[in-house]
């Protein structure tokens, strides 16, 4: 499976992978250090147990991120063709309650608390929008509900020339 990423999210994935690797190595070096505190190398040594758990947690996190990274592809949105793609800002109307909302279609993993409006293309709502055109009505499962929406507008998330490298 190929995981699609916008450039900023791919860079953040790489940073988080490096951080997990560094923390894993740090915890592993602390395992040795905890065995020098007393004559007990590992038996009844809570510090040893804690560092061992930390090393395993960071190893698992690193491996998960590495698997995604190895199968990732950076996508630079083209935009402007009137079709929802990765990196599009989509304004839609919920046909069941008349409410309008706008979301950005983001990477497989989107990072950053400042991007609460970004929805992964792999999430049910993001998948519902991909490939849609302005005026098109789409229906699909989002959580426990069937959602019916009309695409009201499509714009690039980043204006031309503003896209992160």
N, C-alpha and C. Protein backbone atom coordinates (compact mmCIF):
# COMPACT_ATOMS: atom_id res chain seq x y z
N UNK A 1 0.85 -1.18 0.00
CA UNK A 1 0.00 0.00 0.00
C UNK A 1 0.90 1.24 0.00
N UNK A 2 0.56 2.20 -0.82
CA UNK A 2 1.29 3.47 -0.86
C UNK A 2 0.53 4.50 -0.04
N UNK A 3 1.26 5.19 0.83
CA UNK A 3 0.69 6.24 1.68
C UNK A 3 1.06 7.59 1.09
N UNK A 4 0.06 8.41 0.81
CA UNK A 4 0.30 9.71 0.18
C UNK A 4 0.48 10.79 1.24
N UNK A 5 1.46 11.68 0.98
CA UNK A 5 1.77 12.75 1.92
C UNK A 5 1.98 14.06 1.18
N UNK A 6 1.45 15.13 1.76
CA UNK A 6 1.81 16.47 1.33
C UNK A 6 3.22 16.73 1.83
N UNK A 7 3.97 17.62 1.19
CA UNK A 7 5.37 17.83 1.57
C UNK A 7 5.58 18.17 3.05
N UNK A 8 4.75 19.03 3.64
CA UNK A 8 4.95 19.40 5.04
C UNK A 8 4.72 18.23 5.98
N UNK A 9 3.74 17.40 5.70
CA UNK A 9 3.48 16.23 6.54
C UNK A 9 4.57 15.17 6.37
N UNK A 10 5.10 15.03 5.17
CA UNK A 10 6.17 14.06 4.95
C UNK A 10 7.42 14.47 5.73
N UNK A 11 7.73 15.77 5.72
CA UNK A 11 8.88 16.26 6.49
C UNK A 11 8.66 16.02 7.98
N UNK A 12 7.44 16.22 8.45
CA UNK A 12 7.14 15.99 9.87
C UNK A 12 7.20 14.51 10.20
N UNK A 13 6.76 13.64 9.30
CA UNK A 13 6.88 12.19 9.49
C UNK A 13 8.34 11.81 9.67
N UNK A 14 9.19 12.37 8.82
CA UNK A 14 10.63 12.09 8.90
C UNK A 14 11.21 12.58 10.23
N UNK A 15 10.78 13.77 10.68
CA UNK A 15 11.26 14.31 11.95
C UNK A 15 10.82 13.44 13.12
N UNK A 16 9.56 13.01 13.10
CA UNK A 16 9.05 12.17 14.19
C UNK A 16 9.70 10.80 14.20
N UNK A 17 10.02 10.30 13.04
CA UNK A 17 10.70 9.02 12.97
C UNK A 17 12.10 9.14 13.58
N UNK A 18 12.80 10.22 13.27
CA UNK A 18 14.13 10.45 13.84
C UNK A 18 14.05 10.63 15.35
N UNK A 19 13.02 11.35 15.81
CA UNK A 19 12.84 11.54 17.26
C UNK A 19 12.60 10.20 17.96
N UNK A 20 11.75 9.36 17.39
CA UNK A 20 11.46 8.05 17.99
C UNK A 20 12.75 7.20 18.03
N UNK A 21 13.54 7.27 16.97
CA UNK A 21 14.79 6.52 16.93
C UNK A 21 15.75 7.01 18.02
N UNK A 22 15.88 8.33 18.16
CA UNK A 22 16.76 8.90 19.19
C UNK A 22 16.30 8.53 20.59
N UNK A 23 15.00 8.57 20.83
CA UNK A 23 14.49 8.22 22.15
C UNK A 23 14.67 6.74 22.45
N UNK A 24 14.51 5.91 21.43
CA UNK A 24 14.73 4.47 21.60
C UNK A 24 16.19 4.22 21.98
N UNK A 25 17.11 4.83 21.27
CA UNK A 25 18.54 4.65 21.56
C UNK A 25 18.89 5.20 22.95
N UNK A 26 18.27 6.32 23.33
CA UNK A 26 18.51 6.87 24.66
C UNK A 26 18.04 5.93 25.75
N UNK A 27 16.85 5.35 25.57
CA UNK A 27 16.32 4.42 26.56
C UNK A 27 17.19 3.16 26.63
N UNK A 28 17.67 2.72 25.48
CA UNK A 28 18.53 1.52 25.48
C UNK A 28 19.85 1.78 26.21
N UNK A 29 20.38 2.97 26.06
CA UNK A 29 21.63 3.27 26.78
C UNK A 29 21.36 3.40 28.28
N UNK A 30 20.16 3.83 28.65
CA UNK A 30 19.81 3.94 30.07
C UNK A 30 19.61 2.56 30.70
N UNK A 31 19.26 1.57 29.89
CA UNK A 31 19.12 0.20 30.42
C UNK A 31 20.45 -0.23 31.02
N UNK A 32 21.53 -0.01 30.28
CA UNK A 32 22.85 -0.36 30.80
C UNK A 32 23.16 0.44 32.06
N UNK A 33 22.87 1.72 32.03
CA UNK A 33 23.18 2.58 33.18
C UNK A 33 22.44 2.13 34.44
N UNK A 34 21.20 1.66 34.28
CA UNK A 34 20.42 1.24 35.46
C UNK A 34 21.00 -0.01 36.11
N UNK A 35 21.78 -0.77 35.36
CA UNK A 35 22.37 -1.98 35.95
C UNK A 35 23.62 -1.66 36.76
N UNK A 36 24.10 -0.43 36.67
CA UNK A 36 25.30 -0.06 37.42
C UNK A 36 24.96 0.60 38.76
N UNK A 37 23.67 0.80 39.05
CA UNK A 37 23.25 1.45 40.29
C UNK A 37 23.45 0.57 41.52
N UNK A 38 23.31 -0.74 41.33
CA UNK A 38 23.41 -1.65 42.47
C UNK A 38 23.90 -3.00 41.98
N UNK A 39 24.00 -3.91 42.90
CA UNK A 39 24.44 -5.26 42.52
C UNK A 39 23.33 -6.01 41.78
N UNK A 40 22.12 -5.51 41.87
CA UNK A 40 21.00 -6.13 41.15
C UNK A 40 21.04 -5.66 39.70
N UNK A 41 21.32 -6.54 38.77
CA UNK A 41 21.42 -6.13 37.37
C UNK A 41 20.05 -5.86 36.77
N UNK A 42 19.11 -6.71 37.02
CA UNK A 42 17.77 -6.50 36.48
C UNK A 42 16.68 -6.99 37.42
N UNK A 43 16.99 -7.89 38.31
CA UNK A 43 15.99 -8.45 39.21
C UNK A 43 15.61 -7.40 40.25
N UNK A 44 14.33 -7.15 40.41
CA UNK A 44 13.82 -6.16 41.36
C UNK A 44 14.47 -4.79 41.16
N UNK A 45 14.60 -4.38 39.92
CA UNK A 45 15.19 -3.09 39.60
C UNK A 45 14.17 -2.29 38.79
N UNK A 46 13.35 -1.45 39.49
CA UNK A 46 12.30 -0.70 38.79
C UNK A 46 12.84 0.23 37.71
N UNK A 47 14.00 0.83 37.92
CA UNK A 47 14.57 1.72 36.90
C UNK A 47 14.88 0.93 35.62
N UNK A 48 15.41 -0.27 35.78
CA UNK A 48 15.70 -1.13 34.64
C UNK A 48 14.40 -1.46 33.90
N UNK A 49 13.38 -1.86 34.66
CA UNK A 49 12.08 -2.21 34.06
C UNK A 49 11.51 -1.03 33.28
N UNK A 50 11.58 0.16 33.88
CA UNK A 50 11.04 1.36 33.23
C UNK A 50 11.76 1.65 31.92
N UNK A 51 13.08 1.60 31.93
CA UNK A 51 13.85 1.87 30.71
C UNK A 51 13.61 0.80 29.65
N UNK A 52 13.43 -0.42 30.09
CA UNK A 52 13.14 -1.50 29.15
C UNK A 52 11.78 -1.25 28.46
N UNK A 53 10.79 -0.82 29.24
CA UNK A 53 9.47 -0.51 28.68
C UNK A 53 9.54 0.68 27.73
N UNK A 54 10.31 1.71 28.13
CA UNK A 54 10.47 2.88 27.27
C UNK A 54 11.15 2.49 25.94
N UNK A 55 12.19 1.68 26.02
CA UNK A 55 12.90 1.25 24.81
C UNK A 55 11.96 0.48 23.88
N UNK A 56 11.15 -0.40 24.43
CA UNK A 56 10.20 -1.16 23.62
C UNK A 56 9.16 -0.25 22.99
N UNK A 57 8.62 0.70 23.78
CA UNK A 57 7.60 1.61 23.27
C UNK A 57 8.16 2.44 22.10
N UNK A 58 9.35 3.01 22.27
CA UNK A 58 9.94 3.84 21.22
C UNK A 58 10.37 2.99 20.02
N UNK A 59 10.80 1.76 20.25
CA UNK A 59 11.14 0.86 19.15
C UNK A 59 9.89 0.58 18.31
N UNK A 60 8.79 0.26 18.98
CA UNK A 60 7.54 -0.02 18.26
C UNK A 60 7.07 1.20 17.48
N UNK A 61 7.15 2.38 18.10
CA UNK A 61 6.74 3.62 17.43
C UNK A 61 7.61 3.87 16.20
N UNK A 62 8.92 3.72 16.36
CA UNK A 62 9.84 3.91 15.26
C UNK A 62 9.52 2.95 14.11
N UNK A 63 9.28 1.68 14.43
CA UNK A 63 9.00 0.69 13.40
C UNK A 63 7.71 1.02 12.65
N UNK A 64 6.68 1.47 13.37
CA UNK A 64 5.41 1.84 12.71
C UNK A 64 5.63 3.00 11.75
N UNK A 65 6.32 4.04 12.22
CA UNK A 65 6.58 5.20 11.37
C UNK A 65 7.46 4.82 10.19
N UNK A 66 8.44 3.96 10.42
CA UNK A 66 9.36 3.54 9.36
C UNK A 66 8.61 2.77 8.26
N UNK A 67 7.67 1.91 8.65
CA UNK A 67 6.88 1.16 7.66
C UNK A 67 6.09 2.13 6.78
N UNK A 68 5.46 3.12 7.41
CA UNK A 68 4.69 4.11 6.64
C UNK A 68 5.64 4.90 5.74
N UNK A 69 6.77 5.36 6.29
CA UNK A 69 7.73 6.15 5.53
C UNK A 69 8.24 5.37 4.31
N UNK A 70 8.57 4.10 4.50
CA UNK A 70 9.10 3.28 3.40
C UNK A 70 8.10 3.12 2.26
N UNK A 71 6.81 3.18 2.57
CA UNK A 71 5.77 3.03 1.55
C UNK A 71 5.09 4.36 1.23
N UNK A 72 5.76 5.47 1.53
CA UNK A 72 5.14 6.78 1.32
C UNK A 72 5.55 7.39 -0.01
N UNK A 73 4.71 8.30 -0.47
CA UNK A 73 4.97 9.04 -1.69
C UNK A 73 4.55 10.49 -1.45
N UNK A 74 5.43 11.43 -1.80
CA UNK A 74 5.11 12.85 -1.65
C UNK A 74 4.30 13.29 -2.86
N UNK A 75 3.20 13.98 -2.59
CA UNK A 75 2.31 14.46 -3.64
C UNK A 75 2.25 15.98 -3.57
N UNK A 76 2.46 16.60 -4.70
CA UNK A 76 2.32 18.06 -4.79
C UNK A 76 1.04 18.31 -5.59
N UNK A 77 0.01 18.84 -4.91
CA UNK A 77 -1.28 19.04 -5.59
C UNK A 77 -1.15 19.95 -6.81
N UNK A 78 -1.90 19.60 -7.84
CA UNK A 78 -1.92 20.40 -9.06
C UNK A 78 -2.96 21.51 -8.90
N UNK A 79 -4.15 21.16 -8.44
CA UNK A 79 -5.22 22.13 -8.20
C UNK A 79 -5.74 22.77 -9.48
N UNK A 80 -6.85 23.44 -9.32
CA UNK A 80 -7.39 24.23 -10.41
C UNK A 80 -8.21 23.48 -11.44
N UNK A 81 -8.33 22.16 -11.31
CA UNK A 81 -9.12 21.43 -12.32
C UNK A 81 -10.55 21.17 -11.85
N UNK A 82 -10.91 21.69 -10.68
CA UNK A 82 -12.28 21.56 -10.20
C UNK A 82 -12.61 20.21 -9.62
N UNK A 83 -11.59 19.41 -9.34
CA UNK A 83 -11.80 18.08 -8.76
C UNK A 83 -11.06 18.01 -7.44
N UNK A 84 -11.70 17.43 -6.41
CA UNK A 84 -11.09 17.30 -5.09
C UNK A 84 -9.92 16.33 -5.16
N UNK A 85 -8.77 16.78 -4.66
CA UNK A 85 -7.57 15.97 -4.59
C UNK A 85 -6.89 16.24 -3.25
N UNK A 86 -5.83 15.53 -3.00
CA UNK A 86 -5.02 15.78 -1.82
C UNK A 86 -4.56 17.24 -1.87
N UNK A 87 -4.77 17.97 -0.79
CA UNK A 87 -4.40 19.38 -0.75
C UNK A 87 -5.53 20.32 -1.13
N UNK A 88 -6.70 19.82 -1.43
CA UNK A 88 -7.85 20.69 -1.75
C UNK A 88 -8.54 21.15 -0.48
N UNK A 89 -9.07 22.38 -0.54
CA UNK A 89 -9.98 22.87 0.50
C UNK A 89 -11.38 22.69 -0.07
N UNK A 90 -12.21 21.96 0.66
CA UNK A 90 -13.54 21.60 0.17
C UNK A 90 -14.59 22.24 1.06
N UNK A 91 -15.46 23.03 0.46
CA UNK A 91 -16.61 23.56 1.17
C UNK A 91 -17.80 22.70 0.76
N UNK A 92 -18.53 22.22 1.76
CA UNK A 92 -19.63 21.31 1.47
C UNK A 92 -20.85 21.66 2.32
N UNK A 93 -21.99 21.22 1.85
CA UNK A 93 -23.25 21.39 2.58
C UNK A 93 -23.75 20.01 2.98
N UNK A 94 -24.05 19.85 4.25
CA UNK A 94 -24.65 18.61 4.74
C UNK A 94 -26.12 18.66 4.35
N UNK A 95 -26.56 17.77 3.48
CA UNK A 95 -27.93 17.81 2.95
C UNK A 95 -28.98 17.39 3.97
N UNK A 96 -28.57 16.82 5.07
CA UNK A 96 -29.53 16.42 6.09
C UNK A 96 -29.85 17.54 7.07
N UNK A 97 -28.89 18.45 7.30
CA UNK A 97 -29.17 19.53 8.26
C UNK A 97 -28.92 20.93 7.70
N UNK A 98 -28.45 21.02 6.46
CA UNK A 98 -28.23 22.31 5.81
C UNK A 98 -26.97 23.06 6.23
N UNK A 99 -26.19 22.49 7.15
CA UNK A 99 -24.98 23.16 7.62
C UNK A 99 -23.88 23.10 6.56
N UNK A 100 -23.09 24.17 6.53
CA UNK A 100 -21.92 24.22 5.63
C UNK A 100 -20.65 24.17 6.46
N UNK A 101 -19.63 23.55 5.87
CA UNK A 101 -18.33 23.46 6.55
C UNK A 101 -17.26 23.40 5.47
N UNK A 102 -16.04 23.69 5.88
CA UNK A 102 -14.89 23.62 4.98
C UNK A 102 -13.80 22.80 5.64
N UNK A 103 -13.25 21.86 4.90
CA UNK A 103 -12.12 21.05 5.38
C UNK A 103 -11.06 20.99 4.29
N UNK A 104 -9.84 20.69 4.71
CA UNK A 104 -8.75 20.45 3.77
C UNK A 104 -8.50 18.95 3.72
N UNK A 105 -8.26 18.44 2.52
CA UNK A 105 -7.96 17.03 2.36
C UNK A 105 -6.45 16.86 2.54
N UNK A 106 -6.08 16.14 3.58
CA UNK A 106 -4.69 16.02 3.96
C UNK A 106 -4.09 14.66 3.70
N UNK A 107 -2.87 14.52 4.15
CA UNK A 107 -2.06 13.32 3.98
C UNK A 107 -2.65 12.13 4.72
N UNK A 108 -2.04 10.97 4.49
CA UNK A 108 -2.42 9.77 5.24
C UNK A 108 -2.33 10.05 6.74
N UNK A 109 -1.23 10.66 7.18
CA UNK A 109 -1.10 11.16 8.55
C UNK A 109 -0.89 12.66 8.45
N UNK A 110 -1.75 13.41 9.11
CA UNK A 110 -1.60 14.87 9.13
C UNK A 110 -1.14 15.26 10.52
N UNK A 111 -0.13 16.12 10.58
CA UNK A 111 0.45 16.52 11.85
C UNK A 111 0.16 17.99 12.12
N UNK A 112 0.12 18.35 13.38
CA UNK A 112 0.01 19.75 13.76
C UNK A 112 -1.35 20.10 14.32
N UNK A 113 -1.34 20.65 15.51
CA UNK A 113 -2.59 21.06 16.16
C UNK A 113 -3.21 22.25 15.46
N UNK A 114 -2.41 22.99 14.69
CA UNK A 114 -2.93 24.15 13.98
C UNK A 114 -3.75 23.76 12.76
N UNK A 115 -3.88 22.49 12.47
CA UNK A 115 -4.59 22.02 11.30
C UNK A 115 -5.79 21.16 11.67
N UNK A 116 -6.61 21.67 12.57
CA UNK A 116 -7.78 20.91 13.01
C UNK A 116 -8.78 20.69 11.87
N UNK A 117 -8.72 21.53 10.82
CA UNK A 117 -9.65 21.39 9.71
C UNK A 117 -9.15 20.43 8.64
N UNK A 118 -7.96 19.85 8.84
CA UNK A 118 -7.40 18.94 7.85
C UNK A 118 -7.88 17.52 8.15
N UNK A 119 -8.42 16.87 7.11
CA UNK A 119 -8.95 15.51 7.21
C UNK A 119 -8.11 14.62 6.31
N UNK A 120 -7.67 13.50 6.82
CA UNK A 120 -6.89 12.56 6.01
C UNK A 120 -7.72 12.06 4.83
N UNK A 121 -7.07 11.91 3.69
CA UNK A 121 -7.75 11.33 2.52
C UNK A 121 -8.21 9.90 2.81
N UNK A 122 -7.58 9.25 3.79
CA UNK A 122 -7.92 7.86 4.12
C UNK A 122 -9.09 7.77 5.09
N UNK A 123 -9.45 8.90 5.73
CA UNK A 123 -10.59 8.92 6.65
C UNK A 123 -11.89 8.85 5.84
N UNK A 124 -12.96 8.36 6.44
CA UNK A 124 -14.21 8.24 5.70
C UNK A 124 -14.67 9.54 5.02
N UNK A 125 -14.56 10.68 5.72
CA UNK A 125 -15.00 11.94 5.13
C UNK A 125 -14.09 12.34 3.97
N UNK A 126 -12.76 12.21 4.16
CA UNK A 126 -11.83 12.53 3.09
C UNK A 126 -12.03 11.65 1.87
N UNK A 127 -12.23 10.36 2.09
CA UNK A 127 -12.44 9.42 0.99
C UNK A 127 -13.73 9.74 0.25
N UNK A 128 -14.73 10.22 0.97
CA UNK A 128 -16.01 10.59 0.36
C UNK A 128 -15.83 11.74 -0.63
N UNK A 129 -14.93 12.66 -0.32
CA UNK A 129 -14.73 13.84 -1.16
C UNK A 129 -13.79 13.63 -2.34
N UNK A 130 -12.82 12.73 -2.22
CA UNK A 130 -11.82 12.57 -3.28
C UNK A 130 -12.47 12.31 -4.64
N UNK A 131 -12.04 13.09 -5.64
CA UNK A 131 -12.53 12.92 -6.99
C UNK A 131 -13.84 13.63 -7.28
N UNK A 132 -14.45 14.26 -6.27
CA UNK A 132 -15.73 14.95 -6.46
C UNK A 132 -15.52 16.29 -7.16
N UNK A 133 -16.57 16.78 -7.80
CA UNK A 133 -16.56 18.08 -8.48
C UNK A 133 -17.56 19.00 -7.81
N UNK A 134 -17.42 20.30 -8.05
CA UNK A 134 -18.35 21.29 -7.50
C UNK A 134 -19.76 20.96 -7.97
N UNK A 135 -20.71 20.99 -7.04
CA UNK A 135 -22.11 20.70 -7.34
C UNK A 135 -22.48 19.24 -7.18
N UNK A 136 -21.51 18.38 -7.13
CA UNK A 136 -21.76 16.95 -7.03
C UNK A 136 -22.27 16.59 -5.65
N UNK A 137 -23.20 15.65 -5.59
CA UNK A 137 -23.73 15.12 -4.33
C UNK A 137 -23.07 13.77 -4.10
N UNK A 138 -22.57 13.60 -2.89
CA UNK A 138 -21.94 12.34 -2.51
C UNK A 138 -22.60 11.81 -1.25
N UNK A 139 -22.61 10.49 -1.10
CA UNK A 139 -23.19 9.84 0.07
C UNK A 139 -22.27 8.73 0.52
N UNK A 140 -22.09 8.61 1.86
CA UNK A 140 -21.25 7.54 2.37
C UNK A 140 -21.30 7.49 3.88
N UNK A 141 -20.73 6.43 4.43
CA UNK A 141 -20.70 6.24 5.88
C UNK A 141 -19.58 7.06 6.48
N UNK A 142 -19.91 7.85 7.48
CA UNK A 142 -18.94 8.60 8.28
C UNK A 142 -19.31 8.32 9.73
N UNK A 143 -18.47 7.53 10.39
CA UNK A 143 -18.82 7.09 11.74
C UNK A 143 -20.04 6.19 11.66
N UNK A 144 -20.96 6.37 12.60
CA UNK A 144 -22.14 5.49 12.60
C UNK A 144 -23.25 5.98 11.66
N UNK A 145 -23.04 7.10 10.97
CA UNK A 145 -24.10 7.70 10.17
C UNK A 145 -23.78 7.66 8.68
N UNK A 146 -24.84 7.67 7.88
CA UNK A 146 -24.70 7.87 6.45
C UNK A 146 -24.81 9.37 6.22
N UNK A 147 -23.80 9.92 5.56
CA UNK A 147 -23.74 11.36 5.34
C UNK A 147 -24.01 11.65 3.86
N UNK A 148 -24.88 12.63 3.62
CA UNK A 148 -25.15 13.10 2.26
C UNK A 148 -24.68 14.54 2.18
N UNK A 149 -23.79 14.82 1.24
CA UNK A 149 -23.23 16.16 1.11
C UNK A 149 -23.23 16.63 -0.34
N UNK A 150 -23.28 17.95 -0.49
CA UNK A 150 -23.12 18.57 -1.81
C UNK A 150 -21.83 19.38 -1.76
N UNK A 151 -20.99 19.20 -2.75
CA UNK A 151 -19.75 19.96 -2.84
C UNK A 151 -20.10 21.36 -3.34
N UNK A 152 -19.80 22.36 -2.50
CA UNK A 152 -20.14 23.74 -2.82
C UNK A 152 -18.96 24.46 -3.48
N UNK A 153 -17.75 24.16 -3.03
CA UNK A 153 -16.58 24.81 -3.61
C UNK A 153 -15.32 24.00 -3.38
N UNK A 154 -14.38 24.18 -4.31
CA UNK A 154 -13.08 23.49 -4.23
C UNK A 154 -12.01 24.52 -4.52
N UNK A 155 -11.01 24.58 -3.65
CA UNK A 155 -9.89 25.51 -3.84
C UNK A 155 -8.62 24.82 -3.38
N UNK A 156 -7.47 25.26 -3.89
CA UNK A 156 -6.23 24.68 -3.36
C UNK A 156 -6.02 25.12 -1.92
N UNK A 157 -5.45 24.23 -1.10
CA UNK A 157 -5.19 24.58 0.30
C UNK A 157 -4.19 25.73 0.38
N UNK A 158 -3.22 25.71 -0.51
CA UNK A 158 -2.20 26.74 -0.55
C UNK A 158 -2.32 27.48 -1.87
N UNK A 159 -2.46 28.81 -1.85
CA UNK A 159 -2.47 29.56 -3.10
C UNK A 159 -1.16 29.31 -3.88
N UNK A 160 -1.20 29.49 -5.17
CA UNK A 160 -0.02 29.26 -6.02
C UNK A 160 1.18 30.01 -5.46
N UNK A 161 2.30 29.31 -5.38
CA UNK A 161 3.53 29.92 -4.87
C UNK A 161 3.66 29.90 -3.36
N UNK A 162 2.58 29.54 -2.66
CA UNK A 162 2.58 29.50 -1.20
C UNK A 162 2.78 28.09 -0.64
N UNK A 163 2.83 27.12 -1.51
CA UNK A 163 2.90 25.73 -1.08
C UNK A 163 4.26 25.45 -0.43
N UNK A 164 4.24 24.75 0.72
CA UNK A 164 5.50 24.42 1.37
C UNK A 164 6.36 23.52 0.50
N UNK A 165 7.65 23.64 0.65
CA UNK A 165 8.59 22.81 -0.15
C UNK A 165 8.62 21.40 0.31
